[in-house]
């Protein structure tokens, strides 16, 4: 076995633990040995969306995000994000659902035996949500409408009615027939761990968020809120599944992915190829951003603007 290639990288603008940045390294850890450094002259800079310290670093910049933030290719050489984009060799779509390894593994694995699954189902519907700021209003509308049919047990900080936030989200959700999987925002490609964690709980996900989700996921395996014109029609459909054991059991037999297989562009090899292409190039040739006059002007303008999230109207 040949020795691993050493690379010096900085991890910035991603919080104190930089978890989202570290999560992409396993795709290529069999080929490279990474030295994590704070040096401004690091060869490579993995960065996210929680600041603009990346502008202080001169190396090749690779943007990675778990939030719905579109890459700025004036700042970053390369990016892994949610958007359905094509930008030469500079972009690879990486939905957050892929980086929650345990939950994602449940999508790839065969479905659990139905009778075994049903033995654990003692409740109707669970919802675990803790973010209470700047979230989509659809969340509240869906919960309110469904509560008119049957009460939802909320195990997060938001509307908690089970005696406090639950310690184990998957163990809690596994007791319920349905699990609400609602994103903080609806946009094409924005698909996080919420769907996979509902699947990991062997429940039927009631999903709202990415309107393109059925490009990848089997529409027969979950309830897609985007299929319904009104919350009333959505609730009527869920009521039918809840009261029709045959229909409910049929959904539990469906594979999670379309064509019963993991999409090619979600496979580990796809992300490994993208990252290896960056690291395997001669260092000077791997830069993509404009580092001349207008690139310098753009960076100066960005460095003078304090970073913050903007509240949606």
C-alpha atoms as a PDB file:
ATOM      1  CA  UNK A   1       0.000   0.000   0.000  1.00  0.00           C
ATOM      2  CA  UNK A   2       1.387   3.396  -0.971  1.00  0.00           C
ATOM      3  CA  UNK A   3       1.855   6.067   1.678  1.00  0.00           C
ATOM      4  CA  UNK A   4      -0.885   8.622   2.113  1.00  0.00           C
ATOM      5  CA  UNK A   5      -0.293  12.066   0.621  1.00  0.00           C
ATOM      6  CA  UNK A   6      -0.004  14.781   3.262  1.00  0.00           C
ATOM      7  CA  UNK A   7      -2.099  17.926   2.949  1.00  0.00           C
ATOM      8  CA  UNK A   8      -2.224  20.992   5.229  1.00  0.00           C
ATOM      9  CA  UNK A   9      -5.741  22.328   5.628  1.00  0.00           C
ATOM     10  CA  UNK A  10      -7.458  24.998   7.684  1.00  0.00           C
ATOM     11  CA  UNK A  11     -11.062  24.689   8.888  1.00  0.00           C
ATOM     12  CA  UNK A  12     -12.823  28.041   9.237  1.00  0.00           C
ATOM     13  CA  UNK A  13     -16.242  29.689   9.507  1.00  0.00           C
ATOM     14  CA  UNK A  14     -17.918  26.501  10.673  1.00  0.00           C
ATOM     15  CA  UNK A  15     -18.261  26.812  14.447  1.00  0.00           C
ATOM     16  CA  UNK A  16     -15.833  25.670  17.146  1.00  0.00           C
ATOM     17  CA  UNK A  17     -15.919  21.971  16.227  1.00  0.00           C
ATOM     18  CA  UNK A  18     -16.184  22.456  12.449  1.00  0.00           C
ATOM     19  CA  UNK A  19     -18.277  19.277  12.277  1.00  0.00           C
ATOM     20  CA  UNK A  20     -19.695  19.937   8.822  1.00  0.00           C
ATOM     21  CA  UNK A  21     -16.186  20.345   7.401  1.00  0.00           C
ATOM     22  CA  UNK A  22     -14.739  17.308   9.137  1.00  0.00           C
ATOM     23  CA  UNK A  23     -17.669  15.240   7.870  1.00  0.00           C
ATOM     24  CA  UNK A  24     -16.432  15.342   4.266  1.00  0.00           C
ATOM     25  CA  UNK A  25     -12.893  14.159   5.034  1.00  0.00           C
ATOM     26  CA  UNK A  26     -13.821  10.462   5.431  1.00  0.00           C
ATOM     27  CA  UNK A  27     -14.625  10.331   1.709  1.00  0.00           C
ATOM     28  CA  UNK A  28     -10.887  10.567   1.004  1.00  0.00           C
ATOM     29  CA  UNK A  29      -9.165   9.715   4.284  1.00  0.00           C
ATOM     30  CA  UNK A  30      -7.857   6.492   2.762  1.00  0.00           C
ATOM     31  CA  UNK A  31      -5.750   8.527   0.343  1.00  0.00           C
ATOM     32  CA  UNK A  32      -4.626  11.585   2.293  1.00  0.00           C
ATOM     33  CA  UNK A  33      -3.185  12.427   5.669  1.00  0.00           C
ATOM     34  CA  UNK A  34      -4.539  15.777   6.787  1.00  0.00           C
ATOM     35  CA  UNK A  35      -2.701  18.180   9.027  1.00  0.00           C
ATOM     36  CA  UNK A  36      -5.243  20.583  10.512  1.00  0.00           C
ATOM     37  CA  UNK A  37      -3.682  24.008  10.971  1.00  0.00           C
ATOM     38  CA  UNK A  38      -4.626  27.604  11.770  1.00  0.00           C
ATOM     39  CA  UNK A  39      -1.858  28.980   9.579  1.00  0.00           C
ATOM     40  CA  UNK A  40      -3.046  31.600   7.120  1.00  0.00           C
ATOM     41  CA  UNK A  41      -0.838  30.028   4.470  1.00  0.00           C
ATOM     42  CA  UNK A  42      -2.506  26.608   4.662  1.00  0.00           C
ATOM     43  CA  UNK A  43      -2.529  24.944   1.245  1.00  0.00           C
ATOM     44  CA  UNK A  44      -6.266  24.310   1.417  1.00  0.00           C
ATOM     45  CA  UNK A  45      -9.075  26.003   3.336  1.00  0.00           C
ATOM     46  CA  UNK A  46     -12.339  24.217   4.038  1.00  0.00           C
ATOM     47  CA  UNK A  47     -14.898  26.811   5.050  1.00  0.00           C
ATOM     48  CA  UNK A  48     -18.603  27.156   5.690  1.00  0.00           C
ATOM     49  CA  UNK A  49     -21.108  30.005   6.014  1.00  0.00           C
ATOM     50  CA  UNK A  50     -20.724  31.220   9.610  1.00  0.00           C
ATOM     51  CA  UNK A  51     -18.330  34.070   9.002  1.00  0.00           C
ATOM     52  CA  UNK A  52     -15.875  35.579   6.550  1.00  0.00           C
ATOM     53  CA  UNK A  53     -12.551  34.608   8.131  1.00  0.00           C
ATOM     54  CA  UNK A  54     -11.898  32.592   4.989  1.00  0.00           C
ATOM     55  CA  UNK A  55     -10.881  35.871   3.325  1.00  0.00           C
ATOM     56  CA  UNK A  56      -7.788  35.930   5.551  1.00  0.00           C
ATOM     57  CA  UNK A  57      -6.514  32.692   4.023  1.00  0.00           C
ATOM     58  CA  UNK A  58      -4.620  32.485   0.745  1.00  0.00           C
ATOM     59  CA  UNK A  59      -5.015  28.774   0.004  1.00  0.00           C
ATOM     60  CA  UNK A  60      -7.442  26.921  -2.223  1.00  0.00           C
ATOM     61  CA  UNK A  61     -10.895  27.415  -0.726  1.00  0.00           C
ATOM     62  CA  UNK A  62     -13.501  24.663  -0.593  1.00  0.00           C
ATOM     63  CA  UNK A  63     -16.954  25.682   0.613  1.00  0.00           C
ATOM     64  CA  UNK A  64     -19.089  23.124   2.481  1.00  0.00           C
ATOM     65  CA  UNK A  65     -22.494  23.915   3.960  1.00  0.00           C
ATOM     66  CA  UNK A  66     -25.235  22.266   5.955  1.00  0.00           C
ATOM     67  CA  UNK A  67     -27.437  25.343   5.592  1.00  0.00           C
ATOM     68  CA  UNK A  68     -29.328  26.528   2.538  1.00  0.00           C
ATOM     69  CA  UNK A  69     -26.658  28.996   1.429  1.00  0.00           C
ATOM     70  CA  UNK A  70     -25.656  29.191  -2.223  1.00  0.00           C
ATOM     71  CA  UNK A  71     -21.874  29.195  -2.795  1.00  0.00           C
ATOM     72  CA  UNK A  72     -20.121  32.418  -3.720  1.00  0.00           C
ATOM     73  CA  UNK A  73     -17.623  31.405  -6.375  1.00  0.00           C
ATOM     74  CA  UNK A  74     -15.979  34.822  -6.211  1.00  0.00           C
ATOM     75  CA  UNK A  75     -14.779  33.733  -2.774  1.00  0.00           C
ATOM     76  CA  UNK A  76     -14.535  29.953  -3.079  1.00  0.00           C
ATOM     77  CA  UNK A  77     -12.612  27.917  -5.613  1.00  0.00           C
ATOM     78  CA  UNK A  78     -14.850  24.887  -5.140  1.00  0.00           C
ATOM     79  CA  UNK A  79     -18.060  24.078  -3.304  1.00  0.00           C
ATOM     80  CA  UNK A  80     -20.201  21.256  -1.951  1.00  0.00           C
ATOM     81  CA  UNK A  81     -23.736  22.474  -1.304  1.00  0.00           C
ATOM     82  CA  UNK A  82     -27.458  21.829  -1.876  1.00  0.00           C
ATOM     83  CA  UNK A  83     -28.245  23.652  -5.106  1.00  0.00           C
ATOM     84  CA  UNK A  84     -28.881  21.861  -8.387  1.00  0.00           C
ATOM     85  CA  UNK A  85     -26.000  23.577 -10.146  1.00  0.00           C
ATOM     86  CA  UNK A  86     -23.450  22.819 -12.807  1.00  0.00           C
ATOM     87  CA  UNK A  87     -20.223  24.788 -12.757  1.00  0.00           C
ATOM     88  CA  UNK A  88     -17.498  22.813 -14.466  1.00  0.00           C
ATOM     89  CA  UNK A  89     -15.216  21.062 -11.999  1.00  0.00           C
ATOM     90  CA  UNK A  90     -15.926  23.619  -9.266  1.00  0.00           C
ATOM     91  CA  UNK A  91     -19.174  22.263  -7.845  1.00  0.00           C
ATOM     92  CA  UNK A  92     -20.603  19.028  -6.483  1.00  0.00           C
ATOM     93  CA  UNK A  93     -24.054  18.732  -4.957  1.00  0.00           C
ATOM     94  CA  UNK A  94     -23.887  17.295  -1.439  1.00  0.00           C
ATOM     95  CA  UNK A  95     -27.220  17.242   0.438  1.00  0.00           C
ATOM     96  CA  UNK A  96     -26.813  17.143   4.213  1.00  0.00           C
ATOM     97  CA  UNK A  97     -28.783  13.893   4.386  1.00  0.00           C
ATOM     98  CA  UNK A  98     -25.655  12.119   3.114  1.00  0.00           C
ATOM     99  CA  UNK A  99     -23.472  13.222   6.041  1.00  0.00           C
ATOM    100  CA  UNK A 100     -25.658  11.724   8.791  1.00  0.00           C
ATOM    101  CA  UNK A 101     -24.116   8.300   8.329  1.00  0.00           C
ATOM    102  CA  UNK A 102     -26.254   6.172  10.663  1.00  0.00           C
ATOM    103  CA  UNK A 103     -29.505   7.628   9.408  1.00  0.00           C
ATOM    104  CA  UNK A 104     -28.416   7.496   5.779  1.00  0.00           C
ATOM    105  CA  UNK A 105     -27.442   3.828   6.150  1.00  0.00           C
ATOM    106  CA  UNK A 106     -31.090   3.032   6.904  1.00  0.00           C
ATOM    107  CA  UNK A 107     -32.026   4.308   3.437  1.00  0.00           C
ATOM    108  CA  UNK A 108     -29.574   1.949   1.754  1.00  0.00           C
ATOM    109  CA  UNK A 109     -30.326  -1.109   3.902  1.00  0.00           C
ATOM    110  CA  UNK A 110     -33.297  -3.450   3.225  1.00  0.00           C
ATOM    111  CA  UNK A 111     -36.531  -2.480   4.946  1.00  0.00           C
ATOM    112  CA  UNK A 112     -37.128  -3.961   8.390  1.00  0.00           C
ATOM    113  CA  UNK A 113     -39.634  -6.791   8.682  1.00  0.00           C
ATOM    114  CA  UNK A 114     -43.105  -5.254   8.880  1.00  0.00           C
ATOM    115  CA  UNK A 115     -44.361  -7.226  11.856  1.00  0.00           C
ATOM    116  CA  UNK A 116     -41.225  -6.379  13.810  1.00  0.00           C
ATOM    117  CA  UNK A 117     -41.706  -2.718  12.964  1.00  0.00           C
ATOM    118  CA  UNK A 118     -45.367  -2.653  13.940  1.00  0.00           C
ATOM    119  CA  UNK A 119     -44.703  -4.210  17.356  1.00  0.00           C
ATOM    120  CA  UNK A 120     -42.986  -0.998  18.401  1.00  0.00           C
ATOM    121  CA  UNK A 121     -45.656   1.376  17.093  1.00  0.00           C
ATOM    122  CA  UNK A 122     -47.678   2.605  20.054  1.00  0.00           C
ATOM    123  CA  UNK A 123     -48.253   6.213  18.972  1.00  0.00           C
ATOM    124  CA  UNK A 124     -49.667   8.129  16.036  1.00  0.00           C
ATOM    125  CA  UNK A 125     -47.177  10.835  15.046  1.00  0.00           C
ATOM    126  CA  UNK A 126     -43.985  12.330  16.480  1.00  0.00           C
ATOM    127  CA  UNK A 127     -42.192  15.580  15.817  1.00  0.00           C
ATOM    128  CA  UNK A 128     -38.827  16.663  17.188  1.00  0.00           C
ATOM    129  CA  UNK A 129     -38.033  20.292  16.438  1.00  0.00           C
ATOM    130  CA  UNK A 130     -35.925  22.668  18.510  1.00  0.00           C
ATOM    131  CA  UNK A 131     -35.249  25.612  16.215  1.00  0.00           C
ATOM    132  CA  UNK A 132     -37.791  28.299  17.071  1.00  0.00           C
ATOM    133  CA  UNK A 133     -36.449  31.208  15.007  1.00  0.00           C
ATOM    134  CA  UNK A 134     -36.811  32.112  11.330  1.00  0.00           C
ATOM    135  CA  UNK A 135     -38.344  28.784  10.411  1.00  0.00           C
ATOM    136  CA  UNK A 136     -40.865  28.175   7.659  1.00  0.00           C
ATOM    137  CA  UNK A 137     -44.476  29.026   8.596  1.00  0.00           C
ATOM    138  CA  UNK A 138     -45.579  25.801   6.879  1.00  0.00           C
ATOM    139  CA  UNK A 139     -44.258  23.916   9.879  1.00  0.00           C
ATOM    140  CA  UNK A 140     -46.855  25.457  12.171  1.00  0.00           C
ATOM    141  CA  UNK A 141     -49.670  25.120   9.645  1.00  0.00           C
ATOM    142  CA  UNK A 142     -49.000  21.417   9.068  1.00  0.00           C
ATOM    143  CA  UNK A 143     -48.769  20.683  12.789  1.00  0.00           C
ATOM    144  CA  UNK A 144     -51.954  22.633  13.577  1.00  0.00           C
ATOM    145  CA  UNK A 145     -53.892  20.907  10.810  1.00  0.00           C
ATOM    146  CA  UNK A 146     -52.750  17.432  11.804  1.00  0.00           C
ATOM    147  CA  UNK A 147     -53.500  18.104  15.463  1.00  0.00           C
ATOM    148  CA  UNK A 148     -57.136  18.576  14.484  1.00  0.00           C
ATOM    149  CA  UNK A 149     -57.201  14.894  13.566  1.00  0.00           C
ATOM    150  CA  UNK A 150     -54.956  13.438  16.277  1.00  0.00           C
ATOM    151  CA  UNK A 151     -52.524  14.972  18.712  1.00  0.00           C
ATOM    152  CA  UNK A 152     -48.872  15.026  17.676  1.00  0.00           C
ATOM    153  CA  UNK A 153     -46.305  14.232  20.357  1.00  0.00           C
ATOM    154  CA  UNK A 154     -43.594  16.890  20.187  1.00  0.00           C
ATOM    155  CA  UNK A 155     -40.266  15.840  21.675  1.00  0.00           C
ATOM    156  CA  UNK A 156     -38.121  18.884  20.859  1.00  0.00           C
ATOM    157  CA  UNK A 157     -38.004  22.334  22.418  1.00  0.00           C
ATOM    158  CA  UNK A 158     -40.744  23.592  20.104  1.00  0.00           C
ATOM    159  CA  UNK A 159     -44.230  22.912  21.531  1.00  0.00           C
ATOM    160  CA  UNK A 160     -42.874  20.168  23.758  1.00  0.00           C
ATOM    161  CA  UNK A 161     -45.696  18.120  25.289  1.00  0.00           C
ATOM    162  CA  UNK A 162     -43.838  15.006  26.482  1.00  0.00           C
ATOM    163  CA  UNK A 163     -42.249  16.343  29.645  1.00  0.00           C
ATOM    164  CA  UNK A 164     -39.151  17.906  28.123  1.00  0.00           C
ATOM    165  CA  UNK A 165     -36.787  17.455  25.178  1.00  0.00           C
ATOM    166  CA  UNK A 166     -36.086  13.794  24.463  1.00  0.00           C
ATOM    167  CA  UNK A 167     -32.556  12.441  24.943  1.00  0.00           C
ATOM    168  CA  UNK A 168     -32.670  10.023  22.006  1.00  0.00           C
ATOM    169  CA  UNK A 169     -34.515  11.286  18.935  1.00  0.00           C
ATOM    170  CA  UNK A 170     -34.516   7.969  17.055  1.00  0.00           C
ATOM    171  CA  UNK A 171     -35.667   5.923  20.065  1.00  0.00           C
ATOM    172  CA  UNK A 172     -38.487   8.405  20.629  1.00  0.00           C
ATOM    173  CA  UNK A 173     -39.620   8.504  17.003  1.00  0.00           C
ATOM    174  CA  UNK A 174     -39.463   4.720  16.628  1.00  0.00           C
ATOM    175  CA  UNK A 175     -42.613   4.375  18.760  1.00  0.00           C
ATOM    176  CA  UNK A 176     -44.754   6.217  16.211  1.00  0.00           C
ATOM    177  CA  UNK A 177     -46.407   5.282  12.922  1.00  0.00           C
ATOM    178  CA  UNK A 178     -45.623   8.656  11.355  1.00  0.00           C
ATOM    179  CA  UNK A 179     -42.834  11.185  11.857  1.00  0.00           C
ATOM    180  CA  UNK A 180     -42.940  14.780  10.688  1.00  0.00           C
ATOM    181  CA  UNK A 181     -39.829  15.691   8.701  1.00  0.00           C
ATOM    182  CA  UNK A 182     -40.119  19.405   7.967  1.00  0.00           C
ATOM    183  CA  UNK A 183     -37.210  21.461   6.681  1.00  0.00           C
ATOM    184  CA  UNK A 184     -36.546  25.009   7.840  1.00  0.00           C
ATOM    185  CA  UNK A 185     -37.001  26.186   4.280  1.00  0.00           C
ATOM    186  CA  UNK A 186     -38.313  24.849   0.988  1.00  0.00           C
ATOM    187  CA  UNK A 187     -35.987  25.063  -1.985  1.00  0.00           C
ATOM    188  CA  UNK A 188     -34.945  22.689  -4.770  1.00  0.00           C
ATOM    189  CA  UNK A 189     -32.152  20.469  -3.474  1.00  0.00           C
ATOM    190  CA  UNK A 190     -32.371  21.481   0.183  1.00  0.00           C
ATOM    191  CA  UNK A 191     -32.605  18.023   1.762  1.00  0.00           C
ATOM    192  CA  UNK A 192     -31.268  17.502   5.288  1.00  0.00           C
ATOM    193  CA  UNK A 193     -31.078  14.660   7.783  1.00  0.00           C
ATOM    194  CA  UNK A 194     -34.737  14.967   8.809  1.00  0.00           C
ATOM    195  CA  UNK A 195     -36.054  12.574   6.168  1.00  0.00           C
ATOM    196  CA  UNK A 196     -33.367   9.975   6.871  1.00  0.00           C
ATOM    197  CA  UNK A 197     -33.944  10.119  10.623  1.00  0.00           C
ATOM    198  CA  UNK A 198     -37.645   9.452  10.098  1.00  0.00           C
ATOM    199  CA  UNK A 199     -36.688   6.469   7.950  1.00  0.00           C
ATOM    200  CA  UNK A 200     -34.197   5.310  10.581  1.00  0.00           C
ATOM    201  CA  UNK A 201     -37.128   5.274  13.013  1.00  0.00           C
ATOM    202  CA  UNK A 202     -39.000   2.827  10.744  1.00  0.00           C
ATOM    203  CA  UNK A 203     -41.816   5.346  10.480  1.00  0.00           C
ATOM    204  CA  UNK A 204     -43.534   6.843   7.466  1.00  0.00           C
ATOM    205  CA  UNK A 205     -42.061  10.312   6.963  1.00  0.00           C
ATOM    206  CA  UNK A 206     -44.475  13.179   6.452  1.00  0.00           C
ATOM    207  CA  UNK A 207     -42.102  15.382   4.494  1.00  0.00           C
ATOM    208  CA  UNK A 208     -42.092  19.055   3.562  1.00  0.00           C
ATOM    209  CA  UNK A 209     -39.097  20.872   2.135  1.00  0.00           C
ATOM    210  CA  UNK A 210     -37.265  19.925  -1.033  1.00  0.00           C
ATOM    211  CA  UNK A 211     -39.816  19.987  -3.895  1.00  0.00           C
ATOM    212  CA  UNK A 212     -37.437  17.864  -6.005  1.00  0.00           C
ATOM    213  CA  UNK A 213     -37.127  15.047  -3.446  1.00  0.00           C
ATOM    214  CA  UNK A 214     -38.876  12.506  -5.674  1.00  0.00           C
ATOM    215  CA  UNK A 215     -36.015  12.735  -8.154  1.00  0.00           C
ATOM    216  CA  UNK A 216     -34.240  10.466  -5.684  1.00  0.00           C
ATOM    217  CA  UNK A 217     -36.668   9.106  -3.098  1.00  0.00           C
ATOM    218  CA  UNK A 218     -39.502   6.681  -3.803  1.00  0.00           C
ATOM    219  CA  UNK A 219     -42.802   8.624  -3.550  1.00  0.00           C
ATOM    220  CA  UNK A 220     -44.610   5.426  -2.494  1.00  0.00           C
ATOM    221  CA  UNK A 221     -42.553   5.221   0.701  1.00  0.00           C
ATOM    222  CA  UNK A 222     -43.523   8.548   2.303  1.00  0.00           C
ATOM    223  CA  UNK A 223     -46.128  11.283   2.447  1.00  0.00           C
ATOM    224  CA  UNK A 224     -44.986  14.261   0.389  1.00  0.00           C
ATOM    225  CA  UNK A 225     -46.712  17.422   1.573  1.00  0.00           C
ATOM    226  CA  UNK A 226     -45.948  19.057  -1.764  1.00  0.00           C
ATOM    227  CA  UNK A 227     -48.445  16.703  -3.406  1.00  0.00           C
ATOM    228  CA  UNK A 228     -51.404  18.398  -1.688  1.00  0.00           C
ATOM    229  CA  UNK A 229     -53.038  21.729  -2.438  1.00  0.00           C
ATOM    230  CA  UNK A 230     -54.295  22.244   1.108  1.00  0.00           C
ATOM    231  CA  UNK A 231     -53.479  21.066   4.607  1.00  0.00           C
ATOM    232  CA  UNK A 232     -56.988  19.588   4.775  1.00  0.00           C
ATOM    233  CA  UNK A 233     -56.286  17.293   1.820  1.00  0.00           C
ATOM    234  CA  UNK A 234     -52.962  16.314   3.367  1.00  0.00           C
ATOM    235  CA  UNK A 235     -54.641  15.385   6.636  1.00  0.00           C
ATOM    236  CA  UNK A 236     -57.321  13.391   4.817  1.00  0.00           C
ATOM    237  CA  UNK A 237     -54.618  11.326   3.142  1.00  0.00           C
ATOM    238  CA  UNK A 238     -52.820  10.694   6.427  1.00  0.00           C
ATOM    239  CA  UNK A 239     -56.122   9.732   8.065  1.00  0.00           C
ATOM    240  CA  UNK A 240     -56.681   7.158   5.343  1.00  0.00           C
ATOM    241  CA  UNK A 241     -53.253   5.624   5.902  1.00  0.00           C
ATOM    242  CA  UNK A 242     -53.722   5.660   9.659  1.00  0.00           C
ATOM    243  CA  UNK A 243     -57.067   3.857   9.507  1.00  0.00           C
ATOM    244  CA  UNK A 244     -56.289   1.477   6.639  1.00  0.00           C
ATOM    245  CA  UNK A 245     -53.827  -1.130   7.886  1.00  0.00           C
ATOM    246  CA  UNK A 246     -53.342  -2.618   4.428  1.00  0.00           C
ATOM    247  CA  UNK A 247     -52.383   0.748   2.932  1.00  0.00           C
ATOM    248  CA  UNK A 248     -50.054   1.528   5.834  1.00  0.00           C
ATOM    249  CA  UNK A 249     -48.340  -1.865   5.656  1.00  0.00           C
ATOM    250  CA  UNK A 250     -47.903  -1.480   1.904  1.00  0.00           C
ATOM    251  CA  UNK A 251     -45.937   1.736   2.409  1.00  0.00           C
ATOM    252  CA  UNK A 252     -43.665  -0.031   4.886  1.00  0.00           C
ATOM    253  CA  UNK A 253     -42.620  -2.487   2.174  1.00  0.00           C
ATOM    254  CA  UNK A 254     -41.523   0.171  -0.297  1.00  0.00           C
ATOM    255  CA  UNK A 255     -37.794   0.831  -0.817  1.00  0.00           C
ATOM    256  CA  UNK A 256     -36.632   4.302   0.098  1.00  0.00           C
ATOM    257  CA  UNK A 257     -34.824   5.048  -3.150  1.00  0.00           C
ATOM    258  CA  UNK A 258     -36.293   5.113  -6.632  1.00  0.00           C
ATOM    259  CA  UNK A 259     -35.245   2.081  -8.674  1.00  0.00           C
ATOM    260  CA  UNK A 260     -34.380   0.489  -5.311  1.00  0.00           C
ATOM    261  CA  UNK A 261     -30.810   1.737  -5.375  1.00  0.00           C
ATOM    262  CA  UNK A 262     -28.748   4.611  -4.105  1.00  0.00           C
ATOM    263  CA  UNK A 263     -28.406   7.361  -6.751  1.00  0.00           C
ATOM    264  CA  UNK A 264     -25.035   7.429  -8.467  1.00  0.00           C
ATOM    265  CA  UNK A 265     -24.434  11.057  -7.543  1.00  0.00           C
ATOM    266  CA  UNK A 266     -24.991  10.269  -3.847  1.00  0.00           C
ATOM    267  CA  UNK A 267     -22.474   7.473  -3.696  1.00  0.00           C
ATOM    268  CA  UNK A 268     -19.242   7.898  -1.750  1.00  0.00           C
ATOM    269  CA  UNK A 269     -17.201   7.511  -4.934  1.00  0.00           C
ATOM    270  CA  UNK A 270     -18.796  10.630  -6.435  1.00  0.00           C
ATOM    271  CA  UNK A 271     -17.614  12.866  -3.608  1.00  0.00           C
ATOM    272  CA  UNK A 272     -14.237  11.138  -3.453  1.00  0.00           C
ATOM    273  CA  UNK A 273     -13.655  11.865  -7.145  1.00  0.00           C
ATOM    274  CA  UNK A 274     -14.600  15.502  -6.734  1.00  0.00           C
ATOM    275  CA  UNK A 275     -12.307  16.050  -3.761  1.00  0.00           C
ATOM    276  CA  UNK A 276      -9.423  14.001  -5.156  1.00  0.00           C
ATOM    277  CA  UNK A 277      -9.547  16.069  -8.331  1.00  0.00           C
ATOM    278  CA  UNK A 278      -8.898  19.146  -6.199  1.00  0.00           C
ATOM    279  CA  UNK A 279      -6.099  17.669  -4.111  1.00  0.00           C
ATOM    280  CA  UNK A 280      -4.388  15.785  -6.935  1.00  0.00           C
ATOM    281  CA  UNK A 281      -3.798  18.827  -9.121  1.00  0.00           C
ATOM    282  CA  UNK A 282      -0.541  20.763  -8.880  1.00  0.00           C
ATOM    283  CA  UNK A 283      -1.319  23.312  -6.198  1.00  0.00           C
ATOM    284  CA  UNK A 284      -1.057  26.443  -8.344  1.00  0.00           C
ATOM    285  CA  UNK A 285      -3.213  24.905 -11.048  1.00  0.00           C
ATOM    286  CA  UNK A 286      -6.008  24.050  -8.610  1.00  0.00           C
ATOM    287  CA  UNK A 287      -7.034  27.667  -7.996  1.00  0.00           C
ATOM    288  CA  UNK A 288     -10.245  28.694  -9.726  1.00  0.00           C
ATOM    289  CA  UNK A 289     -11.281  32.028  -8.162  1.00  0.00           C
ATOM    290  CA  UNK A 290     -10.153  35.332  -9.639  1.00  0.00           C
ATOM    291  CA  UNK A 291      -7.065  36.382  -7.681  1.00  0.00           C
ATOM    292  CA  UNK A 292      -6.183  39.360  -9.846  1.00  0.00           C
ATOM    293  CA  UNK A 293      -7.539  42.914  -9.825  1.00  0.00           C
ATOM    294  CA  UNK A 294     -11.295  42.344  -9.661  1.00  0.00           C
ATOM    295  CA  UNK A 295     -10.936  39.335  -7.434  1.00  0.00           C
ATOM    296  CA  UNK A 296      -8.966  41.453  -4.959  1.00  0.00           C
ATOM    297  CA  UNK A 297     -11.572  44.246  -5.153  1.00  0.00           C
ATOM    298  CA  UNK A 298     -14.398  41.783  -4.499  1.00  0.00           C
ATOM    299  CA  UNK A 299     -12.659  40.292  -1.488  1.00  0.00           C
ATOM    300  CA  UNK A 300     -11.968  43.719  -0.012  1.00  0.00           C
ATOM    301  CA  UNK A 301     -15.648  44.626  -0.284  1.00  0.00           C
ATOM    302  CA  UNK A 302     -16.671  41.370   1.384  1.00  0.00           C
ATOM    303  CA  UNK A 303     -14.110  41.737   4.175  1.00  0.00           C
ATOM    304  CA  UNK A 304     -15.616  45.117   5.127  1.00  0.00           C
ATOM    305  CA  UNK A 305     -19.109  43.693   5.560  1.00  0.00           C
ATOM    306  CA  UNK A 306     -19.892  42.094   8.922  1.00  0.00           C
ATOM    307  CA  UNK A 307     -21.350  38.640   8.437  1.00  0.00           C
ATOM    308  CA  UNK A 308     -24.872  37.912   9.624  1.00  0.00           C
ATOM    309  CA  UNK A 309     -27.905  35.896   8.711  1.00  0.00           C
ATOM    310  CA  UNK A 310     -30.800  37.893   7.316  1.00  0.00           C
ATOM    311  CA  UNK A 311     -34.260  37.146   8.561  1.00  0.00           C
ATOM    312  CA  UNK A 312     -36.658  36.102   5.825  1.00  0.00           C
ATOM    313  CA  UNK A 313     -39.717  38.320   5.414  1.00  0.00           C
END
